[in-house]
Amino acid sequence: MPAVREVWERGDEIRIVLVFERWDGMSSGAAWEDLKVGMKYLTKWKRIALVTDLDWMITVASLFGWMTPGDLKRFPVAEREQAIAWAAEEG
């Protein structure tokens, strides 16, 4: 998160690519911290590219993606480079 915080502090929009090839879990404390940071800068999120082949993440993104600030788009792992390009695009 330090790199993301630097972008927020400059006042720029956040464009991020999240890659999950596997999932080993997350502590509740880490989830809470991520939520707090995300809400604090809610209007700064521009594009979030979710790169994963994990069925449960695909389902969660399709059900709750509308709640995500900014634009969320899911890409298969094989299309990682396309996800990076999409996140960087203006529009």
C-alpha atoms as a PDB file:
ATOM      1  CA  MET A   1       0.000   0.000   0.000  1.00  0.00           C
ATOM      2  CA  PRO A   2       2.863   2.545   0.306  1.00  0.00           C
ATOM      3  CA  ALA A   3       2.903   3.112  -3.467  1.00  0.00           C
ATOM      4  CA  VAL A   4      -0.863   3.626  -3.503  1.00  0.00           C
ATOM      5  CA  ARG A   5      -0.649   6.058  -0.605  1.00  0.00           C
ATOM      6  CA  GLU A   6       1.956   8.089  -2.509  1.00  0.00           C
ATOM      7  CA  VAL A   7      -0.482   8.434  -5.411  1.00  0.00           C
ATOM      8  CA  TRP A   8      -3.288   9.517  -3.041  1.00  0.00           C
ATOM      9  CA  GLU A   9      -1.055  12.062  -1.341  1.00  0.00           C
ATOM     10  CA  ARG A  10      -0.227  13.618  -4.731  1.00  0.00           C
ATOM     11  CA  GLY A  11      -3.962  13.875  -5.371  1.00  0.00           C
ATOM     12  CA  ASP A  12      -3.856  11.589  -8.411  1.00  0.00           C
ATOM     13  CA  GLU A  13      -6.437   8.957  -9.354  1.00  0.00           C
ATOM     14  CA  ILE A  14      -5.758   5.353  -8.414  1.00  0.00           C
ATOM     15  CA  ARG A  15      -5.363   2.797 -11.187  1.00  0.00           C
ATOM     16  CA  ILE A  16      -4.430  -0.588  -9.829  1.00  0.00           C
ATOM     17  CA  VAL A  17      -3.968  -4.125 -11.096  1.00  0.00           C
ATOM     18  CA  LEU A  18      -4.634  -6.849  -8.524  1.00  0.00           C
ATOM     19  CA  VAL A  19      -3.267 -10.275  -9.466  1.00  0.00           C
ATOM     20  CA  PHE A  20      -4.461 -13.341  -7.576  1.00  0.00           C
ATOM     21  CA  GLU A  21      -3.122 -16.571  -8.997  1.00  0.00           C
ATOM     22  CA  ARG A  22      -3.818 -18.256  -5.658  1.00  0.00           C
ATOM     23  CA  TRP A  23      -5.353 -17.244  -2.335  1.00  0.00           C
ATOM     24  CA  ASP A  24      -3.897 -18.133   1.035  1.00  0.00           C
ATOM     25  CA  GLY A  25      -6.334 -16.007   3.016  1.00  0.00           C
ATOM     26  CA  MET A  26      -6.290 -12.658   4.746  1.00  0.00           C
ATOM     27  CA  SER A  27      -6.501 -11.758   8.398  1.00  0.00           C
ATOM     28  CA  SER A  28      -9.495  -9.773   9.580  1.00  0.00           C
ATOM     29  CA  GLY A  29      -7.138  -6.996  10.705  1.00  0.00           C
ATOM     30  CA  ALA A  30      -5.647  -6.686   7.223  1.00  0.00           C
ATOM     31  CA  ALA A  31      -9.105  -6.659   5.647  1.00  0.00           C
ATOM     32  CA  TRP A  32     -10.211  -3.897   8.029  1.00  0.00           C
ATOM     33  CA  GLU A  33      -7.134  -1.768   7.253  1.00  0.00           C
ATOM     34  CA  ASP A  34      -7.682  -2.175   3.504  1.00  0.00           C
ATOM     35  CA  LEU A  35     -11.328  -1.172   3.894  1.00  0.00           C
ATOM     36  CA  LYS A  36     -10.449   1.938   5.916  1.00  0.00           C
ATOM     37  CA  VAL A  37      -7.855   3.089   3.403  1.00  0.00           C
ATOM     38  CA  GLY A  38     -10.176   2.388   0.468  1.00  0.00           C
ATOM     39  CA  MET A  39     -13.043   4.358   2.018  1.00  0.00           C
ATOM     40  CA  LYS A  40     -10.840   7.302   2.993  1.00  0.00           C
ATOM     41  CA  TYR A  41      -9.943   7.879  -0.660  1.00  0.00           C
ATOM     42  CA  LEU A  42     -13.193   6.649  -2.212  1.00  0.00           C
ATOM     43  CA  THR A  43     -13.339   9.310  -4.912  1.00  0.00           C
ATOM     44  CA  LYS A  44      -9.745   8.707  -6.043  1.00  0.00           C
ATOM     45  CA  TRP A  45     -10.310   5.160  -7.377  1.00  0.00           C
ATOM     46  CA  LYS A  46     -10.406   5.292 -11.195  1.00  0.00           C
ATOM     47  CA  ARG A  47      -9.791   1.740 -12.460  1.00  0.00           C
ATOM     48  CA  ILE A  48      -9.277  -1.604 -10.762  1.00  0.00           C
ATOM     49  CA  ALA A  49      -8.204  -4.564 -12.906  1.00  0.00           C
ATOM     50  CA  LEU A  50      -8.749  -7.878 -11.129  1.00  0.00           C
ATOM     51  CA  VAL A  51      -6.583 -10.587 -12.664  1.00  0.00           C
ATOM     52  CA  THR A  52      -7.583 -14.061 -11.503  1.00  0.00           C
ATOM     53  CA  ASP A  53      -8.806 -17.486 -12.557  1.00  0.00           C
ATOM     54  CA  LEU A  54     -10.141 -18.313  -9.081  1.00  0.00           C
ATOM     55  CA  ASP A  55     -13.829 -19.192  -9.485  1.00  0.00           C
ATOM     56  CA  TRP A  56     -14.926 -17.760  -6.145  1.00  0.00           C
ATOM     57  CA  MET A  57     -13.225 -14.397  -6.829  1.00  0.00           C
ATOM     58  CA  ILE A  58     -14.836 -14.213 -10.259  1.00  0.00           C
ATOM     59  CA  THR A  59     -18.227 -14.831  -8.642  1.00  0.00           C
ATOM     60  CA  VAL A  60     -17.678 -12.236  -5.911  1.00  0.00           C
ATOM     61  CA  ALA A  61     -16.522  -9.653  -8.481  1.00  0.00           C
ATOM     62  CA  SER A  62     -19.582 -10.278 -10.651  1.00  0.00           C
ATOM     63  CA  LEU A  63     -21.977 -10.040  -7.685  1.00  0.00           C
ATOM     64  CA  PHE A  64     -20.428  -7.121  -5.817  1.00  0.00           C
ATOM     65  CA  GLY A  65     -18.292  -5.329  -8.396  1.00  0.00           C
ATOM     66  CA  TRP A  66     -20.917  -2.596  -8.716  1.00  0.00           C
ATOM     67  CA  MET A  67     -20.094  -1.597  -5.125  1.00  0.00           C
ATOM     68  CA  THR A  68     -16.452  -0.979  -6.012  1.00  0.00           C
ATOM     69  CA  PRO A  69     -15.399   2.643  -6.381  1.00  0.00           C
ATOM     70  CA  GLY A  70     -14.264   3.431  -9.914  1.00  0.00           C
ATOM     71  CA  ASP A  71     -14.391   0.940 -12.760  1.00  0.00           C
ATOM     72  CA  LEU A  72     -13.730  -2.733 -12.022  1.00  0.00           C
ATOM     73  CA  LYS A  73     -12.934  -5.226 -14.767  1.00  0.00           C
ATOM     74  CA  ARG A  74     -11.921  -8.845 -14.366  1.00  0.00           C
ATOM     75  CA  PHE A  75      -9.273 -10.475 -16.560  1.00  0.00           C
ATOM     76  CA  PRO A  76      -8.043 -14.072 -16.725  1.00  0.00           C
ATOM     77  CA  VAL A  77      -4.434 -14.591 -15.616  1.00  0.00           C
ATOM     78  CA  ALA A  78      -3.426 -15.216 -19.244  1.00  0.00           C
ATOM     79  CA  GLU A  79      -4.518 -11.628 -20.058  1.00  0.00           C
ATOM     80  CA  ARG A  80      -2.422  -9.894 -17.409  1.00  0.00           C
ATOM     81  CA  GLU A  81      -0.794  -7.537 -19.924  1.00  0.00           C
ATOM     82  CA  GLN A  82      -4.214  -6.505 -21.274  1.00  0.00           C
ATOM     83  CA  ALA A  83      -5.313  -5.786 -17.695  1.00  0.00           C
ATOM     84  CA  ILE A  84      -2.322  -3.503 -17.176  1.00  0.00           C
ATOM     85  CA  ALA A  85      -3.055  -1.677 -20.435  1.00  0.00           C
ATOM     86  CA  TRP A  86      -6.742  -1.259 -19.533  1.00  0.00           C
ATOM     87  CA  ALA A  87      -5.959   0.102 -16.069  1.00  0.00           C
ATOM     88  CA  ALA A  88      -3.579   2.667 -17.563  1.00  0.00           C
ATOM     89  CA  GLU A  89      -5.994   3.866 -20.292  1.00  0.00           C
ATOM     90  CA  GLU A  90      -7.638   7.238 -20.075  1.00  0.00           C
ATOM     91  CA  GLY A  91     -11.379   7.203 -20.285  1.00  0.00           C
END
